[in-house]
Protein backbone atom coordinates (compact mmCIF):
# COMPACT_ATOMS: atom_id res chain seq x y z
CA UNK A 1 0.00 0.00 0.00
CA UNK A 2 2.84 2.38 0.84
CA UNK A 3 4.36 1.69 -2.61
CA UNK A 4 1.08 2.64 -4.28
CA UNK A 5 0.97 5.90 -2.32
CA UNK A 6 4.56 6.74 -3.28
CA UNK A 7 3.81 5.99 -6.94
CA UNK A 8 0.80 8.28 -6.73
CA UNK A 9 3.03 11.05 -5.46
CA UNK A 10 5.47 10.50 -8.31
CA UNK A 11 2.64 10.85 -10.80
CA UNK A 12 0.88 13.79 -9.17
CA UNK A 13 4.05 15.71 -8.42
CA UNK A 14 3.54 18.55 -5.93
CA UNK A 15 -0.18 18.86 -6.66
CA UNK A 16 -1.18 16.84 -3.61
CA UNK A 17 1.19 18.80 -1.36
CA UNK A 18 -0.15 22.10 -2.68
CA UNK A 19 -3.77 20.99 -2.25
CA UNK A 20 -3.13 19.81 1.30
CA UNK A 21 -1.25 22.97 2.26
CA UNK A 22 -3.88 25.30 0.80
CA UNK A 23 -6.93 23.49 2.14
CA UNK A 24 -5.41 22.80 5.55
CA UNK A 25 -4.14 26.35 6.04
CA UNK A 26 -7.45 27.89 4.99
CA UNK A 27 -9.53 25.68 7.26
CA UNK A 28 -7.12 26.04 10.18
CA UNK A 29 -7.08 29.84 9.87
CA UNK A 30 -10.87 30.08 9.62
CA UNK A 31 -11.41 27.89 12.67
CA UNK A 32 -8.85 29.78 14.72
CA UNK A 33 -10.47 33.12 13.80
CA UNK A 34 -13.95 31.92 14.64
CA UNK A 35 -12.70 30.47 17.90
CA UNK A 36 -11.03 33.77 18.84
CA UNK A 37 -14.00 35.95 17.94
CA UNK A 38 -16.68 33.60 19.26
CA UNK A 39 -18.65 33.02 16.09
CA UNK A 40 -21.31 30.35 15.93
CA UNK A 41 -18.95 27.60 15.37
CA UNK A 42 -17.48 24.63 16.58
CA UNK A 43 -19.55 21.82 15.94
CA UNK A 44 -17.41 19.15 17.46
CA UNK A 45 -15.28 20.80 20.16
CA UNK A 46 -17.21 23.77 21.36
CA UNK A 47 -20.89 23.17 20.90
CA UNK A 48 -22.87 24.69 23.74
CA UNK A 49 -19.79 25.19 25.92
CA UNK A 50 -21.69 27.75 27.92
CA UNK A 51 -24.29 25.19 28.89
CA UNK A 52 -22.23 22.16 29.82
CA UNK A 53 -22.49 20.67 33.25
CA UNK A 54 -19.43 20.95 35.42
CA UNK A 55 -18.92 17.20 35.71
CA UNK A 56 -19.58 16.65 32.01
CA UNK A 57 -17.21 19.44 31.10
CA UNK A 58 -14.46 18.05 33.31
CA UNK A 59 -14.91 14.60 31.82
CA UNK A 60 -14.72 15.97 28.27
CA UNK A 61 -11.67 18.06 29.12
CA UNK A 62 -10.01 15.05 30.71
CA UNK A 63 -10.59 12.91 27.62
CA UNK A 64 -8.08 13.26 24.81
CA UNK A 65 -9.55 14.17 21.44
CA UNK A 66 -6.92 13.51 18.79
CA UNK A 67 -9.28 13.68 15.84
CA UNK A 68 -11.09 16.99 15.68
CA UNK A 69 -11.51 19.46 12.85
CA UNK A 70 -8.81 21.63 14.40
CA UNK A 71 -6.24 18.85 14.55
CA UNK A 72 -7.13 17.42 11.13
CA UNK A 73 -6.78 20.87 9.57
CA UNK A 74 -3.40 21.21 11.30
CA UNK A 75 -2.31 17.84 9.94
CA UNK A 76 -3.05 18.70 6.30
CA UNK A 77 -1.58 22.20 6.66
CA UNK A 78 1.75 20.95 7.98
CA UNK A 79 1.75 17.88 5.74
CA UNK A 80 1.45 20.08 2.66
CA UNK A 81 3.99 22.73 3.60
CA UNK A 82 6.64 20.30 4.83
CA UNK A 83 6.16 18.17 1.72
CA UNK A 84 6.63 21.21 -0.51
CA UNK A 85 9.71 22.29 1.41
CA UNK A 86 11.24 18.83 1.08
CA UNK A 87 10.63 18.53 -2.67
CA UNK A 88 11.20 22.12 -3.81
CA UNK A 89 13.79 23.43 -1.37
CA UNK A 90 15.76 20.28 -0.62
CA UNK A 91 15.03 18.27 -3.78
CA UNK A 92 14.21 15.14 -1.79
CA UNK A 93 12.68 12.05 -3.39
CA UNK A 94 8.92 11.91 -3.04
CA UNK A 95 9.12 8.85 -0.80
CA UNK A 96 11.29 10.63 1.77
CA UNK A 97 9.24 13.82 1.43
CA UNK A 98 6.04 11.92 2.08
CA UNK A 99 7.40 10.29 5.24
CA UNK A 100 8.75 13.55 6.65
CA UNK A 101 5.54 15.39 5.77
CA UNK A 102 3.44 12.69 7.41
CA UNK A 103 5.52 12.82 10.60
CA UNK A 104 5.25 16.62 10.71
CA UNK A 105 1.49 16.47 10.13
CA UNK A 106 0.99 13.85 12.83
CA UNK A 107 3.07 15.88 15.26
CA UNK A 108 1.00 18.99 14.52
CA UNK A 109 -2.21 17.03 15.03
CA UNK A 110 -0.98 15.78 18.40
CA UNK A 111 0.18 19.26 19.48
CA UNK A 112 -3.11 20.87 18.44
CA UNK A 113 -5.11 18.29 20.38
CA UNK A 114 -2.96 18.91 23.47
CA UNK A 115 -3.39 22.69 23.20
CA UNK A 116 -7.18 22.52 23.01
CA UNK A 117 -7.35 19.98 25.83
CA UNK A 118 -5.24 22.29 27.97
CA UNK A 119 -7.48 25.23 27.13
CA UNK A 120 -10.54 23.31 28.33
CA UNK A 121 -8.82 22.37 31.58
CA UNK A 122 -7.96 26.03 32.23
CA UNK A 123 -11.57 27.19 32.05
CA UNK A 124 -12.77 28.47 35.41
CA UNK A 125 -16.00 27.36 37.11
CA UNK A 126 -17.57 30.73 36.34
CA UNK A 127 -17.54 29.89 32.65
CA UNK A 128 -19.36 26.59 33.18
CA UNK A 129 -23.11 26.99 33.14
CA UNK A 130 -25.91 24.49 33.22
CA UNK A 131 -29.26 26.19 32.92
CA UNK A 132 -31.06 23.43 34.87
CA UNK A 133 -29.15 24.63 37.94
CA UNK A 134 -31.09 27.91 37.87
CA UNK A 135 -34.32 26.28 39.08
CA UNK A 136 -35.08 27.62 42.55
CA UNK A 137 -32.80 30.65 42.20
CA UNK A 138 -34.13 34.14 42.86
CA UNK A 139 -33.21 36.94 40.48
CA UNK A 140 -34.25 40.36 39.27
CA UNK A 141 -36.29 41.27 36.21
CA UNK A 142 -34.05 43.31 33.95
CA UNK A 143 -36.57 43.77 31.13
CA UNK A 144 -40.32 43.63 31.77
CA UNK A 145 -41.88 40.21 31.18
CA UNK A 146 -45.27 40.47 29.42
CA UNK A 147 -48.08 38.03 30.12
CA UNK A 148 -47.56 36.07 26.92
CA UNK A 149 -44.08 37.05 25.87
CA UNK A 150 -40.51 37.13 27.04
CA UNK A 151 -38.39 39.50 29.04
CA UNK A 152 -35.00 39.26 30.68
CA UNK A 153 -33.81 38.44 34.17
CA UNK A 154 -30.50 38.68 35.99
CA UNK A 155 -29.39 35.69 38.05
CA UNK A 156 -26.29 35.18 40.16
CA UNK A 157 -24.72 31.84 39.21
CA UNK A 158 -21.33 30.64 40.44
CA UNK A 159 -20.53 34.18 41.47
CA UNK A 160 -21.28 35.51 37.98
CA UNK A 161 -24.33 37.59 37.05
CA UNK A 162 -25.99 36.10 33.99
CA UNK A 163 -28.73 37.50 31.82
CA UNK A 164 -31.36 35.03 30.62
CA UNK A 165 -34.53 35.22 28.63
CA UNK A 166 -37.57 34.59 30.81
CA UNK A 167 -41.30 34.12 30.51
CA UNK A 168 -44.04 34.15 33.10
CA UNK A 169 -45.00 30.74 34.43
CA UNK A 170 -48.55 31.75 35.33
CA UNK A 171 -49.06 34.08 32.32
CA UNK A 172 -49.07 37.18 34.51
CA UNK A 173 -46.96 40.22 33.55
CA UNK A 174 -43.97 40.92 35.75
CA UNK A 175 -42.59 44.43 35.95
CA UNK A 176 -38.94 45.45 35.77
CA UNK A 177 -36.91 45.25 38.98
CA UNK A 178 -39.32 42.73 40.54
CA UNK A 179 -37.82 39.73 42.30
CA UNK A 180 -38.64 36.43 40.64
CA UNK A 181 -37.95 32.78 41.22
CA UNK A 182 -37.06 30.33 38.47
CA UNK A 183 -39.53 27.42 38.46
CA UNK A 184 -38.90 25.74 35.12
CA UNK A 185 -36.52 25.60 32.17
CA UNK A 186 -37.94 25.98 28.65
CA UNK A 187 -34.74 25.41 26.69
CA UNK A 188 -31.03 26.18 26.85
CA UNK A 189 -31.60 29.95 27.15
CA UNK A 190 -35.17 30.52 28.39
CA UNK A 191 -36.53 30.00 31.89
CA UNK A 192 -39.98 30.29 33.42
CA UNK A 193 -40.32 32.49 36.50
CA UNK A 194 -42.91 33.60 39.03
CA UNK A 195 -42.94 36.81 41.01
CA UNK A 196 -41.96 36.43 44.65
CA UNK A 197 -44.34 39.19 45.74
CA UNK A 198 -41.52 41.52 46.71
CA UNK A 199 -39.83 44.32 44.81
CA UNK A 200 -36.10 44.83 44.88
CA UNK A 201 -35.19 47.37 47.50
């Protein structure tokens, strides 16, 4: 099988290296930018990070994810560039270039996986939020909650004030600055609340 791969490289020349380098670099750069600027992204590593349970988050951080879109993009990026450097700069045979490029790509994949695992382990408890934990908490209405609509409430969770969408549990309007208690969770960002009968002092 290795002989077939080497023969393919002899026939395709640097085309495969160029394709790998271009595709890998583009994908890697896009994913790094979206990770930095918090776009609606990461479908495999970062989905609903804000709503993971603490225990679940710790378990996921403790597990080692070698194959993710980040690490695969890093593999093809480094595989392509190292392969091109070997063939064009050092005039190596394609067999040697392929082996060195593969080793470099695998090393990049491993390093990328370690970096993202370390980043997850460094997240503080304040960044871990499970909306089900809000049931029973008392907060303040930030934006008036209409009888059949949604407003916003502020809740203190893990020492961090969070703003959530809220709707009235008993279909009664709740004015701004009223104290409310969370009685139910609608979805990952909406809670149902009832007025406690007291206004915030």
